Amino acid sequence: MFDQERQWERYRPFDESTIASHESLTVRVEFDHEARHRTDTAWTIAEYDGPFGERLWHATVTAGTPVPLIRAMLQYLDAPPLTTAGHPDNVFRDAI
């Protein structure tokens, strides 16, 4: 999925997860390859106050989340509005 998104750098530090970091270094996504059930948390998406700042918000979604929805969220996070951190629930509503 991240191969098509040039602004995301992907790496796999362990066999069970893939981490992608946005070029701004303020948004990170982790995918857990070991999610055993469709109800397990597979995706964790988080925004930070800067490259080394505190986490402003995070969200988790299951392995059953449709790939087009994940892709829409990543594209939305590529250019978030200035109010994203104040209203993190808007990220998901606005992404679809």
PDB file of N, CA and C in Angstrom:
ATOM      1  N   MET A   1       0.815  -1.190   0.000  1.00  0.00           N
ATOM      2  CA  MET A   1       0.000   0.000   0.000  1.00  0.00           C
ATOM      3  C   MET A   1       0.865   1.262   0.000  1.00  0.00           C
ATOM      4  N   PHE A   2       1.948   1.273   0.746  1.00  0.00           N
ATOM      5  CA  PHE A   2       2.780   2.466   0.843  1.00  0.00           C
ATOM      6  C   PHE A   2       3.674   2.656  -0.374  1.00  0.00           C
ATOM      7  N   ASP A   3       3.784   1.636  -1.218  1.00  0.00           N
ATOM      8  CA  ASP A   3       4.605   1.755  -2.428  1.00  0.00           C
ATOM      9  C   ASP A   3       4.078   2.840  -3.361  1.00  0.00           C
ATOM     10  N   GLN A   4       2.777   3.075  -3.340  1.00  0.00           N
ATOM     11  CA  GLN A   4       2.156   4.071  -4.218  1.00  0.00           C
ATOM     12  C   GLN A   4       2.206   5.477  -3.631  1.00  0.00           C
ATOM     13  N   GLU A   5       2.519   5.594  -2.365  1.00  0.00           N
ATOM     14  CA  GLU A   5       2.527   6.888  -1.682  1.00  0.00           C
ATOM     15  C   GLU A   5       3.974   7.303  -1.424  1.00  0.00           C
ATOM     16  N   ARG A   6       4.515   8.160  -2.272  1.00  0.00           N
ATOM     17  CA  ARG A   6       5.931   8.558  -2.173  1.00  0.00           C
ATOM     18  C   ARG A   6       6.264   9.324  -0.896  1.00  0.00           C
ATOM     19  N   GLN A   7       5.286  10.003  -0.313  1.00  0.00           N
ATOM     20  CA  GLN A   7       5.550  10.818   0.867  1.00  0.00           C
ATOM     21  C   GLN A   7       5.656   9.983   2.142  1.00  0.00           C
ATOM     22  N   TRP A   8       5.458   8.675   2.032  1.00  0.00           N
ATOM     23  CA  TRP A   8       5.550   7.772   3.176  1.00  0.00           C
ATOM     24  C   TRP A   8       6.778   6.878   3.010  1.00  0.00           C
ATOM     25  N   GLU A   9       7.599   6.816   4.052  1.00  0.00           N
ATOM     26  CA  GLU A   9       8.753   5.919   4.049  1.00  0.00           C
ATOM     27  C   GLU A   9       8.403   4.709   4.902  1.00  0.00           C
ATOM     28  N   ARG A  10       8.550   3.547   4.331  1.00  0.00           N
ATOM     29  CA  ARG A  10       8.137   2.317   4.992  1.00  0.00           C
ATOM     30  C   ARG A  10       9.366   1.515   5.398  1.00  0.00           C
ATOM     31  N   TYR A  11       9.300   0.924   6.595  1.00  0.00           N
ATOM     32  CA  TYR A  11      10.341   0.009   7.022  1.00  0.00           C
ATOM     33  C   TYR A  11       9.722  -1.058   7.911  1.00  0.00           C
ATOM     34  N   ARG A  12      10.418  -2.152   8.041  1.00  0.00           N
ATOM     35  CA  ARG A  12       9.902  -3.291   8.793  1.00  0.00           C
ATOM     36  C   ARG A  12      10.950  -3.703   9.824  1.00  0.00           C
ATOM     37  N   PRO A  13      10.880  -3.107  11.038  1.00  0.00           N
ATOM     38  CA  PRO A  13      11.903  -3.385  12.046  1.00  0.00           C
ATOM     39  C   PRO A  13      11.833  -4.806  12.589  1.00  0.00           C
ATOM     40  N   PHE A  14      10.655  -5.399  12.574  1.00  0.00           N
ATOM     41  CA  PHE A  14      10.445  -6.761  13.054  1.00  0.00           C
ATOM     42  C   PHE A  14       9.542  -7.477  12.056  1.00  0.00           C
ATOM     43  N   ASP A  15       9.542  -8.784  12.093  1.00  0.00           N
ATOM     44  CA  ASP A  15       8.710  -9.544  11.164  1.00  0.00           C
ATOM     45  C   ASP A  15       7.224  -9.290  11.362  1.00  0.00           C
ATOM     46  N   GLU A  16       6.811  -8.969  12.580  1.00  0.00           N
ATOM     47  CA  GLU A  16       5.381  -8.851  12.851  1.00  0.00           C
ATOM     48  C   GLU A  16       4.787  -7.477  12.576  1.00  0.00           C
ATOM     49  N   SER A  17       5.587  -6.494  12.225  1.00  0.00           N
ATOM     50  CA  SER A  17       5.004  -5.171  11.981  1.00  0.00           C
ATOM     51  C   SER A  17       5.737  -4.408  10.882  1.00  0.00           C
ATOM     52  N   THR A  18       4.985  -3.499  10.255  1.00  0.00           N
ATOM     53  CA  THR A  18       5.534  -2.563   9.290  1.00  0.00           C
ATOM     54  C   THR A  18       5.204  -1.175   9.807  1.00  0.00           C
ATOM     55  N   ILE A  19       6.151  -0.280   9.758  1.00  0.00           N
ATOM     56  CA  ILE A  19       5.948   1.094  10.204  1.00  0.00           C
ATOM     57  C   ILE A  19       6.183   2.010   9.013  1.00  0.00           C
ATOM     58  N   ALA A  20       5.296   2.981   8.862  1.00  0.00           N
ATOM     59  CA  ALA A  20       5.445   3.985   7.815  1.00  0.00           C
ATOM     60  C   ALA A  20       5.463   5.347   8.480  1.00  0.00           C
ATOM     61  N   SER A  21       6.370   6.173   8.052  1.00  0.00           N
ATOM     62  CA  SER A  21       6.508   7.519   8.590  1.00  0.00           C
ATOM     63  C   SER A  21       6.320   8.507   7.452  1.00  0.00           C
ATOM     64  N   HIS A  22       5.494   9.513   7.691  1.00  0.00           N
ATOM     65  CA  HIS A  22       5.260  10.541   6.686  1.00  0.00           C
ATOM     66  C   HIS A  22       6.498  11.426   6.586  1.00  0.00           C
ATOM     67  N   GLU A  23       6.722  12.007   5.426  1.00  0.00           N
ATOM     68  CA  GLU A  23       7.903  12.852   5.225  1.00  0.00           C
ATOM     69  C   GLU A  23       7.958  14.037   6.185  1.00  0.00           C
ATOM     70  N   SER A  24       6.824  14.449   6.731  1.00  0.00           N
ATOM     71  CA  SER A  24       6.798  15.537   7.715  1.00  0.00           C
ATOM     72  C   SER A  24       7.311  15.083   9.079  1.00  0.00           C
ATOM     73  N   LEU A  25       7.426  13.766   9.264  1.00  0.00           N
ATOM     74  CA  LEU A  25       7.841  13.135  10.514  1.00  0.00           C
ATOM     75  C   LEU A  25       6.882  13.413  11.669  1.00  0.00           C
ATOM     76  N   THR A  26       5.662  13.801  11.362  1.00  0.00           N
ATOM     77  CA  THR A  26       4.678  14.052  12.411  1.00  0.00           C
ATOM     78  C   THR A  26       3.535  13.042  12.399  1.00  0.00           C
ATOM     79  N   VAL A  27       3.462  12.206  11.389  1.00  0.00           N
ATOM     80  CA  VAL A  27       2.418  11.187  11.310  1.00  0.00           C
ATOM     81  C   VAL A  27       3.092   9.836  11.075  1.00  0.00           C
ATOM     82  N   ARG A  28       2.692   8.851  11.889  1.00  0.00           N
ATOM     83  CA  ARG A  28       3.227   7.509  11.744  1.00  0.00           C
ATOM     84  C   ARG A  28       2.095   6.496  11.722  1.00  0.00           C
ATOM     85  N   VAL A  29       2.310   5.426  10.977  1.00  0.00           N
ATOM     86  CA  VAL A  29       1.337   4.353  10.868  1.00  0.00           C
ATOM     87  C   VAL A  29       2.069   3.045  11.138  1.00  0.00           C
ATOM     88  N   GLU A  30       1.466   2.205  11.964  1.00  0.00           N
ATOM     89  CA  GLU A  30       2.025   0.878  12.217  1.00  0.00           C
ATOM     90  C   GLU A  30       0.987  -0.167  11.841  1.00  0.00           C
ATOM     91  N   PHE A  31       1.420  -1.173  11.100  1.00  0.00           N
ATOM     92  CA  PHE A  31       0.553  -2.284  10.744  1.00  0.00           C
ATOM     93  C   PHE A  31       1.085  -3.541  11.401  1.00  0.00           C
ATOM     94  N   ASP A  32       0.240  -4.194  12.194  1.00  0.00           N
ATOM     95  CA  ASP A  32       0.602  -5.414  12.903  1.00  0.00           C
ATOM     96  C   ASP A  32       0.225  -6.613  12.042  1.00  0.00           C
ATOM     97  N   HIS A  33       1.217  -7.299  11.511  1.00  0.00           N
ATOM     98  CA  HIS A  33       0.981  -8.453  10.640  1.00  0.00           C
ATOM     99  C   HIS A  33       0.472  -9.667  11.420  1.00  0.00           C
ATOM    100  N   GLU A  34       0.601  -9.615  12.743  1.00  0.00           N
ATOM    101  CA  GLU A  34       0.206 -10.745  13.574  1.00  0.00           C
ATOM    102  C   GLU A  34      -1.229 -10.645  14.081  1.00  0.00           C
ATOM    103  N   ALA A  35      -2.009  -9.696  13.625  1.00  0.00           N
ATOM    104  CA  ALA A  35      -3.412  -9.581  14.052  1.00  0.00           C
ATOM    105  C   ALA A  35      -4.124 -10.873  13.684  1.00  0.00           C
ATOM    106  N   ARG A  36      -4.525 -11.617  14.694  1.00  0.00           N
ATOM    107  CA  ARG A  36      -5.031 -12.974  14.460  1.00  0.00           C
ATOM    108  C   ARG A  36      -6.495 -13.021  14.066  1.00  0.00           C
ATOM    109  N   HIS A  37      -7.272 -12.125  14.579  1.00  0.00           N
ATOM    110  CA  HIS A  37      -8.707 -12.149  14.310  1.00  0.00           C
ATOM    111  C   HIS A  37      -9.100 -10.834  13.639  1.00  0.00           C
ATOM    112  N   ARG A  38     -10.183 -10.835  12.946  1.00  0.00           N
ATOM    113  CA  ARG A  38     -10.620  -9.628  12.253  1.00  0.00           C
ATOM    114  C   ARG A  38     -10.984  -8.524  13.237  1.00  0.00           C
ATOM    115  N   THR A  39     -11.135  -8.842  14.509  1.00  0.00           N
ATOM    116  CA  THR A  39     -11.440  -7.821  15.510  1.00  0.00           C
ATOM    117  C   THR A  39     -10.179  -7.300  16.197  1.00  0.00           C
ATOM    118  N   ASP A  40      -9.027  -7.904  15.914  1.00  0.00           N
ATOM    119  CA  ASP A  40      -7.775  -7.431  16.512  1.00  0.00           C
ATOM    120  C   ASP A  40      -7.369  -6.094  15.923  1.00  0.00           C
ATOM    121  N   THR A  41      -6.696  -5.296  16.721  1.00  0.00           N
ATOM    122  CA  THR A  41      -6.136  -4.048  16.219  1.00  0.00           C
ATOM    123  C   THR A  41      -5.004  -4.376  15.262  1.00  0.00           C
ATOM    124  N   ALA A  42      -5.107  -3.887  14.068  1.00  0.00           N
ATOM    125  CA  ALA A  42      -4.063  -4.142  13.086  1.00  0.00           C
ATOM    126  C   ALA A  42      -3.349  -2.854  12.705  1.00  0.00           C
ATOM    127  N   TRP A  43      -4.087  -1.753  12.641  1.00  0.00           N
ATOM    128  CA  TRP A  43      -3.521  -0.466  12.237  1.00  0.00           C
ATOM    129  C   TRP A  43      -3.539   0.493  13.422  1.00  0.00           C
ATOM    130  N   THR A  44      -2.429   1.157  13.666  1.00  0.00           N
ATOM    131  CA  THR A  44      -2.368   2.246  14.635  1.00  0.00           C
ATOM    132  C   THR A  44      -1.842   3.460  13.878  1.00  0.00           C
ATOM    133  N   ILE A  45      -2.609   4.531  13.909  1.00  0.00           N
ATOM    134  CA  ILE A  45      -2.261   5.765  13.208  1.00  0.00           C
ATOM    135  C   ILE A  45      -2.128   6.849  14.271  1.00  0.00           C
ATOM    136  N   ALA A  46      -1.043   7.606  14.228  1.00  0.00           N
ATOM    137  CA  ALA A  46      -0.818   8.626  15.248  1.00  0.00           C
ATOM    138  C   ALA A  46      -0.212   9.884  14.643  1.00  0.00           C
ATOM    139  N   GLU A  47      -0.579  11.016  15.241  1.00  0.00           N
ATOM    140  CA  GLU A  47       0.009  12.295  14.846  1.00  0.00           C
ATOM    141  C   GLU A  47       0.759  12.864  16.040  1.00  0.00           C
ATOM    142  N   TYR A  48       1.916  13.459  15.770  1.00  0.00           N
ATOM    143  CA  TYR A  48       2.788  13.982  16.818  1.00  0.00           C
ATOM    144  C   TYR A  48       2.973  15.483  16.667  1.00  0.00           C
ATOM    145  N   ASP A  49       3.378  16.117  17.755  1.00  0.00           N
ATOM    146  CA  ASP A  49       3.562  17.561  17.807  1.00  0.00           C
ATOM    147  C   ASP A  49       4.811  18.017  17.058  1.00  0.00           C
ATOM    148  N   GLY A  50       5.567  17.136  16.535  1.00  0.00           N
ATOM    149  CA  GLY A  50       6.786  17.423  15.786  1.00  0.00           C
ATOM    150  C   GLY A  50       7.554  16.130  15.637  1.00  0.00           C
ATOM    151  N   PRO A  51       8.683  16.156  14.955  1.00  0.00           N
ATOM    152  CA  PRO A  51       9.440  14.921  14.756  1.00  0.00           C
ATOM    153  C   PRO A  51       9.799  14.202  16.057  1.00  0.00           C
ATOM    154  N   PHE A  52       9.996  14.947  17.134  1.00  0.00           N
ATOM    155  CA  PHE A  52      10.329  14.347  18.427  1.00  0.00           C
ATOM    156  C   PHE A  52       9.345  14.786  19.493  1.00  0.00           C
ATOM    157  N   GLY A  53       8.174  15.279  19.063  1.00  0.00           N
ATOM    158  CA  GLY A  53       7.191  15.811  19.993  1.00  0.00           C
ATOM    159  C   GLY A  53       6.283  14.760  20.595  1.00  0.00           C
ATOM    160  N   GLU A  54       5.389  15.231  21.423  1.00  0.00           N
ATOM    161  CA  GLU A  54       4.421  14.356  22.073  1.00  0.00           C
ATOM    162  C   GLU A  54       3.326  13.948  21.098  1.00  0.00           C
ATOM    163  N   ARG A  55       2.737  12.806  21.373  1.00  0.00           N
ATOM    164  CA  ARG A  55       1.641  12.332  20.532  1.00  0.00           C
ATOM    165  C   ARG A  55       0.408  13.177  20.799  1.00  0.00           C
ATOM    166  N   LEU A  56      -0.178  13.722  19.727  1.00  0.00           N
ATOM    167  CA  LEU A  56      -1.366  14.552  19.841  1.00  0.00           C
ATOM    168  C   LEU A  56      -2.627  13.697  19.872  1.00  0.00           C
ATOM    169  N   TRP A  57      -2.659  12.665  19.057  1.00  0.00           N
ATOM    170  CA  TRP A  57      -3.793  11.753  19.029  1.00  0.00           C
ATOM    171  C   TRP A  57      -3.374  10.464  18.348  1.00  0.00           C
ATOM    172  N   HIS A  58      -4.149   9.420  18.566  1.00  0.00           N
ATOM    173  CA  HIS A  58      -3.928   8.172  17.844  1.00  0.00           C
ATOM    174  C   HIS A  58      -5.267   7.473  17.654  1.00  0.00           C
ATOM    175  N   ALA A  59      -5.304   6.594  16.686  1.00  0.00           N
ATOM    176  CA  ALA A  59      -6.496   5.806  16.406  1.00  0.00           C
ATOM    177  C   ALA A  59      -6.051   4.403  16.031  1.00  0.00           C
ATOM    178  N   THR A  60      -6.895   3.447  16.329  1.00  0.00           N
ATOM    179  CA  THR A  60      -6.616   2.078  15.934  1.00  0.00           C
ATOM    180  C   THR A  60      -7.803   1.535  15.153  1.00  0.00           C
ATOM    181  N   VAL A  61      -7.516   0.716  14.178  1.00  0.00           N
ATOM    182  CA  VAL A  61      -8.560   0.076  13.381  1.00  0.00           C
ATOM    183  C   VAL A  61      -8.192  -1.396  13.207  1.00  0.00           C
ATOM    184  N   THR A  62      -9.177  -2.196  12.891  1.00  0.00           N
ATOM    185  CA  THR A  62      -8.983  -3.646  12.819  1.00  0.00           C
ATOM    186  C   THR A  62      -8.440  -4.088  11.467  1.00  0.00           C
ATOM    187  N   ALA A  63      -8.079  -5.355  11.429  1.00  0.00           N
ATOM    188  CA  ALA A  63      -7.575  -5.949  10.192  1.00  0.00           C
ATOM    189  C   ALA A  63      -8.653  -6.005   9.124  1.00  0.00           C
ATOM    190  N   GLY A  64      -9.915  -5.941   9.531  1.00  0.00           N
ATOM    191  CA  GLY A  64     -11.014  -5.990   8.578  1.00  0.00           C
ATOM    192  C   GLY A  64     -11.359  -4.661   7.943  1.00  0.00           C
ATOM    193  N   THR A  65     -10.649  -3.613   8.288  1.00  0.00           N
ATOM    194  CA  THR A  65     -10.903  -2.290   7.713  1.00  0.00           C
ATOM    195  C   THR A  65     -10.551  -2.316   6.227  1.00  0.00           C
ATOM    196  N   PRO A  66     -11.463  -1.872   5.381  1.00  0.00           N
ATOM    197  CA  PRO A  66     -11.185  -1.902   3.936  1.00  0.00           C
ATOM    198  C   PRO A  66      -9.951  -1.073   3.567  1.00  0.00           C
ATOM    199  N   VAL A  67      -9.141  -1.616   2.691  1.00  0.00           N
ATOM    200  CA  VAL A  67      -7.926  -0.935   2.239  1.00  0.00           C
ATOM    201  C   VAL A  67      -8.232   0.443   1.652  1.00  0.00           C
ATOM    202  N   PRO A  68      -9.320   0.619   0.872  1.00  0.00           N
ATOM    203  CA  PRO A  68      -9.599   1.962   0.350  1.00  0.00           C
ATOM    204  C   PRO A  68      -9.809   3.008   1.462  1.00  0.00           C
ATOM    205  N   LEU A  69     -10.364   2.589   2.595  1.00  0.00           N
ATOM    206  CA  LEU A  69     -10.541   3.528   3.705  1.00  0.00           C
ATOM    207  C   LEU A  69      -9.190   3.900   4.309  1.00  0.00           C
ATOM    208  N   ILE A  70      -8.323   2.922   4.489  1.00  0.00           N
ATOM    209  CA  ILE A  70      -6.974   3.200   5.008  1.00  0.00           C
ATOM    210  C   ILE A  70      -6.239   4.129   4.048  1.00  0.00           C
ATOM    211  N   ARG A  71      -6.331   3.848   2.753  1.00  0.00           N
ATOM    212  CA  ARG A  71      -5.667   4.688   1.747  1.00  0.00           C
ATOM    213  C   ARG A  71      -6.212   6.119   1.788  1.00  0.00           C
ATOM    214  N   ALA A  72      -7.538   6.272   1.942  1.00  0.00           N
ATOM    215  CA  ALA A  72      -8.143   7.604   2.024  1.00  0.00           C
ATOM    216  C   ALA A  72      -7.633   8.347   3.248  1.00  0.00           C
ATOM    217  N   MET A  73      -7.484   7.653   4.374  1.00  0.00           N
ATOM    218  CA  MET A  73      -6.960   8.296   5.583  1.00  0.00           C
ATOM    219  C   MET A  73      -5.527   8.754   5.373  1.00  0.00           C
ATOM    220  N   LEU A  74      -4.702   7.915   4.737  1.00  0.00           N
ATOM    221  CA  LEU A  74      -3.306   8.291   4.509  1.00  0.00           C
ATOM    222  C   LEU A  74      -3.206   9.500   3.591  1.00  0.00           C
ATOM    223  N   GLN A  75      -4.032   9.526   2.561  1.00  0.00           N
ATOM    224  CA  GLN A  75      -4.014  10.671   1.651  1.00  0.00           C
ATOM    225  C   GLN A  75      -4.491  11.931   2.356  1.00  0.00           C
ATOM    226  N   TYR A  76      -5.479  11.809   3.221  1.00  0.00           N
ATOM    227  CA  TYR A  76      -5.979  12.948   3.974  1.00  0.00           C
ATOM    228  C   TYR A  76      -4.908  13.465   4.940  1.00  0.00           C
ATOM    229  N   LEU A  77      -4.204  12.544   5.596  1.00  0.00           N
ATOM    230  CA  LEU A  77      -3.167  12.933   6.543  1.00  0.00           C
ATOM    231  C   LEU A  77      -1.948  13.546   5.861  1.00  0.00           C
ATOM    232  N   ASP A  78      -1.807  13.321   4.566  1.00  0.00           N
ATOM    233  CA  ASP A  78      -0.702  13.908   3.820  1.00  0.00           C
ATOM    234  C   ASP A  78      -0.791  15.431   3.816  1.00  0.00           C
ATOM    235  N   ALA A  79      -1.989  15.980   3.865  1.00  0.00           N
ATOM    236  CA  ALA A  79      -2.189  17.439   3.875  1.00  0.00           C
ATOM    237  C   ALA A  79      -3.339  17.772   4.821  1.00  0.00           C
ATOM    238  N   PRO A  80      -3.143  17.567   6.136  1.00  0.00           N
ATOM    239  CA  PRO A  80      -4.235  17.810   7.080  1.00  0.00           C
ATOM    240  C   PRO A  80      -4.509  19.295   7.266  1.00  0.00           C
ATOM    241  N   PRO A  81      -5.757  19.634   7.580  1.00  0.00           N
ATOM    242  CA  PRO A  81      -6.061  21.029   7.897  1.00  0.00           C
ATOM    243  C   PRO A  81      -5.417  21.405   9.225  1.00  0.00           C
ATOM    244  N   LEU A  82      -5.286  22.674   9.482  1.00  0.00           N
ATOM    245  CA  LEU A  82      -4.630  23.127  10.711  1.00  0.00           C
ATOM    246  C   LEU A  82      -5.370  22.705  11.974  1.00  0.00           C
ATOM    247  N   THR A  83      -6.646  22.394  11.878  1.00  0.00           N
ATOM    248  CA  THR A  83      -7.420  22.036  13.061  1.00  0.00           C
ATOM    249  C   THR A  83      -7.425  20.544  13.359  1.00  0.00           C
ATOM    250  N   THR A  84      -6.679  19.740  12.627  1.00  0.00           N
ATOM    251  CA  THR A  84      -6.707  18.290  12.810  1.00  0.00           C
ATOM    252  C   THR A  84      -6.399  17.887  14.250  1.00  0.00           C
ATOM    253  N   ALA A  85      -5.352  18.432  14.836  1.00  0.00           N
ATOM    254  CA  ALA A  85      -4.952  18.021  16.176  1.00  0.00           C
ATOM    255  C   ALA A  85      -6.009  18.370  17.211  1.00  0.00           C
ATOM    256  N   GLY A  86      -6.745  19.444  17.010  1.00  0.00           N
ATOM    257  CA  GLY A  86      -7.765  19.831  17.968  1.00  0.00           C
ATOM    258  C   GLY A  86      -9.006  18.979  17.902  1.00  0.00           C
ATOM    259  N   HIS A  87      -9.251  18.370  16.756  1.00  0.00           N
ATOM    260  CA  HIS A  87     -10.440  17.538  16.560  1.00  0.00           C
ATOM    261  C   HIS A  87     -10.058  16.265  15.822  1.00  0.00           C
ATOM    262  N   PRO A  88      -9.396  15.316  16.506  1.00  0.00           N
ATOM    263  CA  PRO A  88      -8.897  14.136  15.810  1.00  0.00           C
ATOM    264  C   PRO A  88      -9.982  13.274  15.188  1.00  0.00           C
ATOM    265  N   ASP A  89     -11.195  13.326  15.709  1.00  0.00           N
ATOM    266  CA  ASP A  89     -12.261  12.525  15.118  1.00  0.00           C
ATOM    267  C   ASP A  89     -12.627  13.010  13.721  1.00  0.00           C
ATOM    268  N   ASN A  90     -12.321  14.252  13.409  1.00  0.00           N
ATOM    269  CA  ASN A  90     -12.594  14.785  12.067  1.00  0.00           C
ATOM    270  C   ASN A  90     -11.756  14.098  10.998  1.00  0.00           C
ATOM    271  N   VAL A  91     -10.593  13.587  11.369  1.00  0.00           N
ATOM    272  CA  VAL A  91      -9.723  12.925  10.395  1.00  0.00           C
ATOM    273  C   VAL A  91     -10.469  11.786   9.729  1.00  0.00           C
ATOM    274  N   PHE A  92     -11.178  10.982  10.510  1.00  0.00           N
ATOM    275  CA  PHE A  92     -11.875   9.828   9.947  1.00  0.00           C
ATOM    276  C   PHE A  92     -13.142  10.229   9.226  1.00  0.00           C
ATOM    277  N   ARG A  93     -13.873  11.190   9.767  1.00  0.00           N
ATOM    278  CA  ARG A  93     -15.091  11.634   9.091  1.00  0.00           C
ATOM    279  C   ARG A  93     -14.777  12.303   7.767  1.00  0.00           C
ATOM    280  N   ASP A  94     -13.735  13.129   7.737  1.00  0.00           N
ATOM    281  CA  ASP A  94     -13.383  13.839   6.532  1.00  0.00           C
ATOM    282  C   ASP A  94     -12.676  12.961   5.503  1.00  0.00           C
ATOM    283  N   ALA A  95     -12.075  11.874   5.949  1.00  0.00           N
ATOM    284  CA  ALA A  95     -11.326  11.010   5.046  1.00  0.00           C
ATOM    285  C   ALA A  95     -12.206  10.229   4.099  1.00  0.00           C
ATOM    286  N   ILE A  96     -13.455   9.985   4.489  1.00  0.00           N
ATOM    287  CA  ILE A  96     -14.312   9.152   3.632  1.00  0.00           C
ATOM    288  C   ILE A  96     -15.334   9.959   2.878  1.00  0.00           C
TER     289      ILE A  96
END
